[in-house]
Each structure stands twice: as structure tokens, then as C-alpha cells.
Amino acid sequence: MLPPFRRRGIASAMMDLAEQYEGTRSRIAGIGVGLYADYGPAHLMYLRRGYRPDGRGVTYRGETVPPGGAVRVDDDLALMMTKRLT
């Protein structure tokens, strides 16, 4: 959304803090990421940070989309990813 501000480490710094906080509560961190092209840089960042799809498929407004289900491709469509924290 704001290409001039990408690749400056801002999101990584925010993720470091979020994971640090999450690590005090759980050994696994989770995140949902949108599924259209604008989210491509976020997908790559999460993969670089060790996040992987959680194996439950995509969700729409927090509900798993069943096979053959029809949903809108908007900000509510997400792939859920998790990472084991050390």
C-alpha cells in the first residue's frame, strides 16, 4: 500500500516486538495474511521470518472456506500462518 516505506525494516521491527510479546504467552505465533497481489510483500516477509501455512486452508471473516465455497476476494480473505517461537 505504501511502497515508498517498504524495505526499511519497519514491519520487521514491529514483528520482532509482537513475537517477543507473544512468546511470553505461547510457543506458537499466528497471523492471517490477505490473498491478493497487494499482500505479496507481506507473504514474502512472513515466509522469511519462518511462518508457514497452518494447514487449514483459507478463511473468510475468520471462518474456514469449504472446498467449492464462493467468497469475495477482499481484505477478509486470509491464509492463516504459524511459527514456532524459540
PDB file of N, CA and C in Angstrom:
ATOM      1  N   MET A   1       0.807  -1.193   0.000  1.00  0.00           N
ATOM      2  CA  MET A   1       0.000   0.000   0.000  1.00  0.00           C
ATOM      3  C   MET A   1       0.854   1.262   0.000  1.00  0.00           C
ATOM      4  N   LEU A   2       1.953   1.223   0.702  1.00  0.00           N
ATOM      5  CA  LEU A   2       2.814   2.398   0.779  1.00  0.00           C
ATOM      6  C   LEU A   2       4.220   2.027   0.313  1.00  0.00           C
ATOM      7  N   PRO A   3       4.384   1.729  -0.972  1.00  0.00           N
ATOM      8  CA  PRO A   3       5.677   1.269  -1.480  1.00  0.00           C
ATOM      9  C   PRO A   3       6.881   2.112  -1.076  1.00  0.00           C
ATOM     10  N   PRO A   4       6.771   3.456  -0.976  1.00  0.00           N
ATOM     11  CA  PRO A   4       7.966   4.226  -0.589  1.00  0.00           C
ATOM     12  C   PRO A   4       8.501   3.870   0.801  1.00  0.00           C
ATOM     13  N   PHE A   5       7.667   3.264   1.644  1.00  0.00           N
ATOM     14  CA  PHE A   5       8.086   2.945   3.003  1.00  0.00           C
ATOM     15  C   PHE A   5       8.507   1.491   3.171  1.00  0.00           C
ATOM     16  N   ARG A   6       8.490   0.720   2.078  1.00  0.00           N
ATOM     17  CA  ARG A   6       8.888  -0.687   2.154  1.00  0.00           C
ATOM     18  C   ARG A   6      10.402  -0.812   2.224  1.00  0.00           C
ATOM     19  N   ARG A   7      10.828  -1.983   2.751  1.00  0.00           N
ATOM     20  CA  ARG A   7      12.244  -2.339   2.810  1.00  0.00           C
ATOM     21  C   ARG A   7      13.060  -1.404   3.708  1.00  0.00           C
ATOM     22  N   ARG A   8      12.403  -0.871   4.721  1.00  0.00           N
ATOM     23  CA  ARG A   8      13.114  -0.023   5.685  1.00  0.00           C
ATOM     24  C   ARG A   8      13.200  -0.680   7.064  1.00  0.00           C
ATOM     25  N   GLY A   9      12.644  -1.891   7.182  1.00  0.00           N
ATOM     26  CA  GLY A   9      12.717  -2.610   8.447  1.00  0.00           C
ATOM     27  C   GLY A   9      11.620  -2.284   9.435  1.00  0.00           C
ATOM     28  N   ILE A  10      10.667  -1.456   9.040  1.00  0.00           N
ATOM     29  CA  ILE A  10       9.609  -1.043   9.966  1.00  0.00           C
ATOM     30  C   ILE A  10       8.731  -2.239  10.345  1.00  0.00           C
ATOM     31  N   ALA A  11       8.258  -2.973   9.356  1.00  0.00           N
ATOM     32  CA  ALA A  11       7.390  -4.126   9.635  1.00  0.00           C
ATOM     33  C   ALA A  11       8.150  -5.201  10.405  1.00  0.00           C
ATOM     34  N   SER A  12       9.415  -5.409  10.062  1.00  0.00           N
ATOM     35  CA  SER A  12      10.208  -6.413  10.781  1.00  0.00           C
ATOM     36  C   SER A  12      10.387  -6.024  12.242  1.00  0.00           C
ATOM     37  N   ALA A  13      10.622  -4.754  12.501  1.00  0.00           N
ATOM     38  CA  ALA A  13      10.751  -4.297  13.885  1.00  0.00           C
ATOM     39  C   ALA A  13       9.445  -4.501  14.649  1.00  0.00           C
ATOM     40  N   MET A  14       8.332  -4.207  13.992  1.00  0.00           N
ATOM     41  CA  MET A  14       7.025  -4.420  14.629  1.00  0.00           C
ATOM     42  C   MET A  14       6.787  -5.905  14.882  1.00  0.00           C
ATOM     43  N   MET A  15       7.166  -6.745  13.926  1.00  0.00           N
ATOM     44  CA  MET A  15       7.008  -8.192  14.097  1.00  0.00           C
ATOM     45  C   MET A  15       7.902  -8.702  15.225  1.00  0.00           C
ATOM     46  N   ASP A  16       9.116  -8.181  15.332  1.00  0.00           N
ATOM     47  CA  ASP A  16      10.002  -8.578  16.436  1.00  0.00           C
ATOM     48  C   ASP A  16       9.326  -8.323  17.782  1.00  0.00           C
ATOM     49  N   LEU A  17       8.745  -7.134  17.939  1.00  0.00           N
ATOM     50  CA  LEU A  17       8.065  -6.802  19.197  1.00  0.00           C
ATOM     51  C   LEU A  17       6.845  -7.680  19.427  1.00  0.00           C
ATOM     52  N   ALA A  18       6.063  -7.897  18.371  1.00  0.00           N
ATOM     53  CA  ALA A  18       4.860  -8.733  18.503  1.00  0.00           C
ATOM     54  C   ALA A  18       5.232 -10.164  18.882  1.00  0.00           C
ATOM     55  N   GLU A  19       6.254 -10.710  18.249  1.00  0.00           N
ATOM     56  CA  GLU A  19       6.680 -12.076  18.559  1.00  0.00           C
ATOM     57  C   GLU A  19       7.268 -12.161  19.965  1.00  0.00           C
ATOM     58  N   GLN A  20       7.974 -11.134  20.374  1.00  0.00           N
ATOM     59  CA  GLN A  20       8.526 -11.099  21.726  1.00  0.00           C
ATOM     60  C   GLN A  20       7.391 -11.141  22.748  1.00  0.00           C
ATOM     61  N   TYR A  21       6.375 -10.336  22.526  1.00  0.00           N
ATOM     62  CA  TYR A  21       5.217 -10.327  23.418  1.00  0.00           C
ATOM     63  C   TYR A  21       4.493 -11.669  23.366  1.00  0.00           C
ATOM     64  N   GLU A  22       4.236 -12.159  22.161  1.00  0.00           N
ATOM     65  CA  GLU A  22       3.526 -13.434  22.006  1.00  0.00           C
ATOM     66  C   GLU A  22       4.290 -14.563  22.692  1.00  0.00           C
ATOM     67  N   GLY A  23       5.611 -14.496  22.645  1.00  0.00           N
ATOM     68  CA  GLY A  23       6.434 -15.529  23.269  1.00  0.00           C
ATOM     69  C   GLY A  23       6.271 -15.622  24.768  1.00  0.00           C
ATOM     70  N   THR A  24       5.763 -14.574  25.401  1.00  0.00           N
ATOM     71  CA  THR A  24       5.503 -14.626  26.841  1.00  0.00           C
ATOM     72  C   THR A  24       4.187 -15.340  27.137  1.00  0.00           C
ATOM     73  N   ARG A  25       3.389 -15.584  26.105  1.00  0.00           N
ATOM     74  CA  ARG A  25       2.066 -16.178  26.298  1.00  0.00           C
ATOM     75  C   ARG A  25       1.900 -17.531  25.621  1.00  0.00           C
ATOM     76  N   SER A  26       2.715 -17.787  24.577  1.00  0.00           N
ATOM     77  CA  SER A  26       2.543 -19.000  23.786  1.00  0.00           C
ATOM     78  C   SER A  26       3.861 -19.367  23.124  1.00  0.00           C
ATOM     79  N   ARG A  27       3.984 -20.621  22.732  1.00  0.00           N
ATOM     80  CA  ARG A  27       5.173 -21.051  21.996  1.00  0.00           C
ATOM     81  C   ARG A  27       4.955 -20.968  20.491  1.00  0.00           C
ATOM     82  N   ILE A  28       3.737 -20.618  20.080  1.00  0.00           N
ATOM     83  CA  ILE A  28       3.412 -20.521  18.652  1.00  0.00           C
ATOM     84  C   ILE A  28       2.749 -19.180  18.379  1.00  0.00           C
ATOM     85  N   ALA A  29       3.234 -18.499  17.357  1.00  0.00           N
ATOM     86  CA  ALA A  29       2.629 -17.235  16.920  1.00  0.00           C
ATOM     87  C   ALA A  29       1.833 -17.517  15.648  1.00  0.00           C
ATOM     88  N   GLY A  30       0.737 -16.806  15.476  1.00  0.00           N
ATOM     89  CA  GLY A  30      -0.079 -16.975  14.281  1.00  0.00           C
ATOM     90  C   GLY A  30      -0.435 -15.636  13.677  1.00  0.00           C
ATOM     91  N   ILE A  31      -0.663 -15.657  12.368  1.00  0.00           N
ATOM     92  CA  ILE A  31      -1.021 -14.439  11.654  1.00  0.00           C
ATOM     93  C   ILE A  31      -1.847 -14.817  10.437  1.00  0.00           C
ATOM     94  N   GLY A  32      -2.746 -13.927  10.054  1.00  0.00           N
ATOM     95  CA  GLY A  32      -3.508 -14.120   8.820  1.00  0.00           C
ATOM     96  C   GLY A  32      -3.056 -13.091   7.801  1.00  0.00           C
ATOM     97  N   VAL A  33      -2.880 -13.505   6.575  1.00  0.00           N
ATOM     98  CA  VAL A  33      -2.424 -12.590   5.532  1.00  0.00           C
ATOM     99  C   VAL A  33      -3.366 -12.659   4.343  1.00  0.00           C
ATOM    100  N   GLY A  34      -3.681 -11.487   3.811  1.00  0.00           N
ATOM    101  CA  GLY A  34      -4.593 -11.392   2.674  1.00  0.00           C
ATOM    102  C   GLY A  34      -4.072 -12.124   1.450  1.00  0.00           C
ATOM    103  N   LEU A  35      -4.970 -12.381   0.501  1.00  0.00           N
ATOM    104  CA  LEU A  35      -4.618 -13.247  -0.621  1.00  0.00           C
ATOM    105  C   LEU A  35      -4.634 -12.586  -1.986  1.00  0.00           C
ATOM    106  N   TYR A  36      -4.609 -11.281  -2.053  1.00  0.00           N
ATOM    107  CA  TYR A  36      -4.471 -10.695  -3.380  1.00  0.00           C
ATOM    108  C   TYR A  36      -3.098 -10.047  -3.503  1.00  0.00           C
ATOM    109  N   ALA A  37      -2.762  -9.619  -4.703  1.00  0.00           N
ATOM    110  CA  ALA A  37      -1.394  -9.217  -5.036  1.00  0.00           C
ATOM    111  C   ALA A  37      -0.805  -8.157  -4.112  1.00  0.00           C
ATOM    112  N   ASP A  38      -1.606  -7.263  -3.584  1.00  0.00           N
ATOM    113  CA  ASP A  38      -1.072  -6.220  -2.702  1.00  0.00           C
ATOM    114  C   ASP A  38      -0.391  -6.797  -1.461  1.00  0.00           C
ATOM    115  N   TYR A  39      -0.752  -8.020  -1.096  1.00  0.00           N
ATOM    116  CA  TYR A  39      -0.168  -8.651   0.081  1.00  0.00           C
ATOM    117  C   TYR A  39       1.095  -9.448  -0.236  1.00  0.00           C
ATOM    118  N   GLY A  40       1.525  -9.467  -1.489  1.00  0.00           N
ATOM    119  CA  GLY A  40       2.705 -10.232  -1.879  1.00  0.00           C
ATOM    120  C   GLY A  40       3.931  -9.942  -1.032  1.00  0.00           C
ATOM    121  N   PRO A  41       4.289  -8.668  -0.827  1.00  0.00           N
ATOM    122  CA  PRO A  41       5.460  -8.385   0.014  1.00  0.00           C
ATOM    123  C   PRO A  41       5.303  -8.913   1.443  1.00  0.00           C
ATOM    124  N   ALA A  42       4.103  -8.862   1.980  1.00  0.00           N
ATOM    125  CA  ALA A  42       3.873  -9.391   3.335  1.00  0.00           C
ATOM    126  C   ALA A  42       4.063 -10.906   3.346  1.00  0.00           C
ATOM    127  N   HIS A  43       3.534 -11.601   2.340  1.00  0.00           N
ATOM    128  CA  HIS A  43       3.725 -13.056   2.252  1.00  0.00           C
ATOM    129  C   HIS A  43       5.210 -13.386   2.311  1.00  0.00           C
ATOM    130  N   LEU A  44       6.002 -12.687   1.514  1.00  0.00           N
ATOM    131  CA  LEU A  44       7.435 -12.964   1.454  1.00  0.00           C
ATOM    132  C   LEU A  44       8.112 -12.676   2.791  1.00  0.00           C
ATOM    133  N   MET A  45       7.725 -11.599   3.450  1.00  0.00           N
ATOM    134  CA  MET A  45       8.318 -11.279   4.748  1.00  0.00           C
ATOM    135  C   MET A  45       7.990 -12.375   5.765  1.00  0.00           C
ATOM    136  N   TYR A  46       6.728 -12.805   5.810  1.00  0.00           N
ATOM    137  CA  TYR A  46       6.343 -13.835   6.784  1.00  0.00           C
ATOM    138  C   TYR A  46       7.073 -15.137   6.503  1.00  0.00           C
ATOM    139  N   LEU A  47       7.214 -15.507   5.242  1.00  0.00           N
ATOM    140  CA  LEU A  47       7.955 -16.727   4.906  1.00  0.00           C
ATOM    141  C   LEU A  47       9.415 -16.607   5.337  1.00  0.00           C
ATOM    142  N   ARG A  48      10.029 -15.460   5.088  1.00  0.00           N
ATOM    143  CA  ARG A  48      11.422 -15.241   5.518  1.00  0.00           C
ATOM    144  C   ARG A  48      11.558 -15.333   7.035  1.00  0.00           C
ATOM    145  N   ARG A  49      10.520 -14.945   7.736  1.00  0.00           N
ATOM    146  CA  ARG A  49      10.557 -14.977   9.202  1.00  0.00           C
ATOM    147  C   ARG A  49      10.230 -16.356   9.762  1.00  0.00           C
ATOM    148  N   GLY A  50       9.915 -17.313   8.896  1.00  0.00           N
ATOM    149  CA  GLY A  50       9.659 -18.678   9.365  1.00  0.00           C
ATOM    150  C   GLY A  50       8.202 -19.059   9.496  1.00  0.00           C
ATOM    151  N   TYR A  51       7.279 -18.193   9.094  1.00  0.00           N
ATOM    152  CA  TYR A  51       5.858 -18.537   9.146  1.00  0.00           C
ATOM    153  C   TYR A  51       5.529 -19.483   8.003  1.00  0.00           C
ATOM    154  N   ARG A  52       4.643 -20.441   8.279  1.00  0.00           N
ATOM    155  CA  ARG A  52       4.195 -21.398   7.275  1.00  0.00           C
ATOM    156  C   ARG A  52       2.678 -21.531   7.382  1.00  0.00           C
ATOM    157  N   PRO A  53       2.005 -21.844   6.270  1.00  0.00           N
ATOM    158  CA  PRO A  53       0.557 -22.055   6.349  1.00  0.00           C
ATOM    159  C   PRO A  53       0.240 -23.094   7.423  1.00  0.00           C
ATOM    160  N   ASP A  54      -0.845 -22.874   8.141  1.00  0.00           N
ATOM    161  CA  ASP A  54      -1.184 -23.765   9.254  1.00  0.00           C
ATOM    162  C   ASP A  54      -1.878 -25.054   8.813  1.00  0.00           C
ATOM    163  N   GLY A  55      -2.131 -25.205   7.523  1.00  0.00           N
ATOM    164  CA  GLY A  55      -2.705 -26.448   7.007  1.00  0.00           C
ATOM    165  C   GLY A  55      -4.216 -26.501   7.007  1.00  0.00           C
ATOM    166  N   ARG A  56      -4.856 -25.435   7.433  1.00  0.00           N
ATOM    167  CA  ARG A  56      -6.325 -25.443   7.475  1.00  0.00           C
ATOM    168  C   ARG A  56      -6.956 -24.720   6.301  1.00  0.00           C
ATOM    169  N   GLY A  57      -6.151 -24.293   5.338  1.00  0.00           N
ATOM    170  CA  GLY A  57      -6.701 -23.612   4.167  1.00  0.00           C
ATOM    171  C   GLY A  57      -6.939 -22.137   4.423  1.00  0.00           C
ATOM    172  N   VAL A  58      -7.793 -21.549   3.611  1.00  0.00           N
ATOM    173  CA  VAL A  58      -8.058 -20.119   3.731  1.00  0.00           C
ATOM    174  C   VAL A  58      -9.311 -19.872   4.559  1.00  0.00           C
ATOM    175  N   THR A  59      -9.372 -18.660   5.095  1.00  0.00           N
ATOM    176  CA  THR A  59     -10.539 -18.278   5.884  1.00  0.00           C
ATOM    177  C   THR A  59     -11.160 -17.022   5.289  1.00  0.00           C
ATOM    178  N   TYR A  60     -12.426 -16.858   5.536  1.00  0.00           N
ATOM    179  CA  TYR A  60     -13.114 -15.624   5.174  1.00  0.00           C
ATOM    180  C   TYR A  60     -13.869 -15.163   6.406  1.00  0.00           C
ATOM    181  N   ARG A  61     -13.516 -13.969   6.873  1.00  0.00           N
ATOM    182  CA  ARG A  61     -14.075 -13.419   8.108  1.00  0.00           C
ATOM    183  C   ARG A  61     -13.954 -14.399   9.277  1.00  0.00           C
ATOM    184  N   GLY A  62     -12.797 -15.056   9.328  1.00  0.00           N
ATOM    185  CA  GLY A  62     -12.500 -15.952  10.430  1.00  0.00           C
ATOM    186  C   GLY A  62     -13.035 -17.363  10.303  1.00  0.00           C
ATOM    187  N   GLU A  63     -13.782 -17.651   9.264  1.00  0.00           N
ATOM    188  CA  GLU A  63     -14.360 -18.983   9.064  1.00  0.00           C
ATOM    189  C   GLU A  63     -13.632 -19.693   7.922  1.00  0.00           C
ATOM    190  N   THR A  64     -13.312 -20.977   8.121  1.00  0.00           N
ATOM    191  CA  THR A  64     -12.651 -21.742   7.071  1.00  0.00           C
ATOM    192  C   THR A  64     -13.547 -21.841   5.843  1.00  0.00           C
ATOM    193  N   VAL A  65     -12.975 -21.596   4.677  1.00  0.00           N
ATOM    194  CA  VAL A  65     -13.726 -21.685   3.423  1.00  0.00           C
ATOM    195  C   VAL A  65     -13.749 -23.151   2.993  1.00  0.00           C
ATOM    196  N   PRO A  66     -14.935 -23.744   2.824  1.00  0.00           N
ATOM    197  CA  PRO A  66     -15.018 -25.155   2.438  1.00  0.00           C
ATOM    198  C   PRO A  66     -14.654 -25.343   0.956  1.00  0.00           C
ATOM    199  N   PRO A  67     -14.263 -26.550   0.580  1.00  0.00           N
ATOM    200  CA  PRO A  67     -13.988 -26.822  -0.836  1.00  0.00           C
ATOM    201  C   PRO A  67     -15.187 -26.431  -1.705  1.00  0.00           C
ATOM    202  N   GLY A  68     -14.935 -25.708  -2.772  1.00  0.00           N
ATOM    203  CA  GLY A  68     -16.008 -25.266  -3.662  1.00  0.00           C
ATOM    204  C   GLY A  68     -16.743 -24.034  -3.181  1.00  0.00           C
ATOM    205  N   GLY A  69     -16.363 -23.527  -2.009  1.00  0.00           N
ATOM    206  CA  GLY A  69     -17.026 -22.354  -1.454  1.00  0.00           C
ATOM    207  C   GLY A  69     -16.722 -21.110  -2.274  1.00  0.00           C
ATOM    208  N   ALA A  70     -17.682 -20.229  -2.352  1.00  0.00           N
ATOM    209  CA  ALA A  70     -17.509 -18.970  -3.077  1.00  0.00           C
ATOM    210  C   ALA A  70     -17.405 -17.839  -2.071  1.00  0.00           C
ATOM    211  N   VAL A  71     -16.323 -17.094  -2.155  1.00  0.00           N
ATOM    212  CA  VAL A  71     -16.113 -15.951  -1.270  1.00  0.00           C
ATOM    213  C   VAL A  71     -15.609 -14.772  -2.084  1.00  0.00           C
ATOM    214  N   ARG A  72     -15.709 -13.621  -1.511  1.00  0.00           N
ATOM    215  CA  ARG A  72     -15.180 -12.407  -2.113  1.00  0.00           C
ATOM    216  C   ARG A  72     -13.687 -12.307  -1.858  1.00  0.00           C
ATOM    217  N   VAL A  73     -12.937 -11.896  -2.835  1.00  0.00           N
ATOM    218  CA  VAL A  73     -11.511 -11.681  -2.632  1.00  0.00           C
ATOM    219  C   VAL A  73     -11.339 -10.232  -2.174  1.00  0.00           C
ATOM    220  N   ASP A  74     -11.281 -10.071  -0.860  1.00  0.00           N
ATOM    221  CA  ASP A  74     -11.109  -8.756  -0.253  1.00  0.00           C
ATOM    222  C   ASP A  74     -10.241  -8.916   0.987  1.00  0.00           C
ATOM    223  N   ASP A  75     -10.181  -7.907   1.822  1.00  0.00           N
ATOM    224  CA  ASP A  75      -9.312  -7.956   2.999  1.00  0.00           C
ATOM    225  C   ASP A  75      -9.735  -8.994   4.032  1.00  0.00           C
ATOM    226  N   ASP A  76     -10.919  -9.549   3.918  1.00  0.00           N
ATOM    227  CA  ASP A  76     -11.384 -10.558   4.873  1.00  0.00           C
ATOM    228  C   ASP A  76     -10.994 -11.975   4.471  1.00  0.00           C
ATOM    229  N   LEU A  77     -10.447 -12.156   3.273  1.00  0.00           N
ATOM    230  CA  LEU A  77      -9.982 -13.467   2.817  1.00  0.00           C
ATOM    231  C   LEU A  77      -8.518 -13.591   3.208  1.00  0.00           C
ATOM    232  N   ALA A  78      -8.189 -14.631   3.971  1.00  0.00           N
ATOM    233  CA  ALA A  78      -6.825 -14.728   4.503  1.00  0.00           C
ATOM    234  C   ALA A  78      -6.332 -16.166   4.548  1.00  0.00           C
ATOM    235  N   LEU A  79      -5.020 -16.286   4.459  1.00  0.00           N
ATOM    236  CA  LEU A  79      -4.328 -17.537   4.692  1.00  0.00           C
ATOM    237  C   LEU A  79      -3.729 -17.429   6.085  1.00  0.00           C
ATOM    238  N   MET A  80      -4.031 -18.386   6.923  1.00  0.00           N
ATOM    239  CA  MET A  80      -3.518 -18.360   8.292  1.00  0.00           C
ATOM    240  C   MET A  80      -2.166 -19.049   8.317  1.00  0.00           C
ATOM    241  N   MET A  81      -1.220 -18.416   9.015  1.00  0.00           N
ATOM    242  CA  MET A  81       0.146 -18.944   9.090  1.00  0.00           C
ATOM    243  C   MET A  81       0.597 -18.979  10.541  1.00  0.00           C
ATOM    244  N   THR A  82       1.481 -19.918  10.869  1.00  0.00           N
ATOM    245  CA  THR A  82       2.004 -20.022  12.221  1.00  0.00           C
ATOM    246  C   THR A  82       3.515 -20.178  12.197  1.00  0.00           C
ATOM    247  N   LYS A  83       4.095 -19.917  13.356  1.00  0.00           N
ATOM    248  CA  LYS A  83       5.544 -20.041  13.524  1.00  0.00           C
ATOM    249  C   LYS A  83       5.811 -20.480  14.959  1.00  0.00           C
ATOM    250  N   ARG A  84       6.691 -21.451  15.120  1.00  0.00           N
ATOM    251  CA  ARG A  84       7.104 -21.840  16.472  1.00  0.00           C
ATOM    252  C   ARG A  84       8.110 -20.820  16.968  1.00  0.00           C
ATOM    253  N   LEU A  85       7.860 -20.304  18.151  1.00  0.00           N
ATOM    254  CA  LEU A  85       8.753 -19.309  18.745  1.00  0.00           C
ATOM    255  C   LEU A  85       9.805 -20.020  19.596  1.00  0.00           C
ATOM    256  N   THR A  86      10.993 -19.466  19.636  1.00  0.00           N
ATOM    257  CA  THR A  86      12.067 -20.095  20.424  1.00  0.00           C
ATOM    258  C   THR A  86      12.315 -19.341  21.700  1.00  0.00           C
TER     259      THR A  86
END
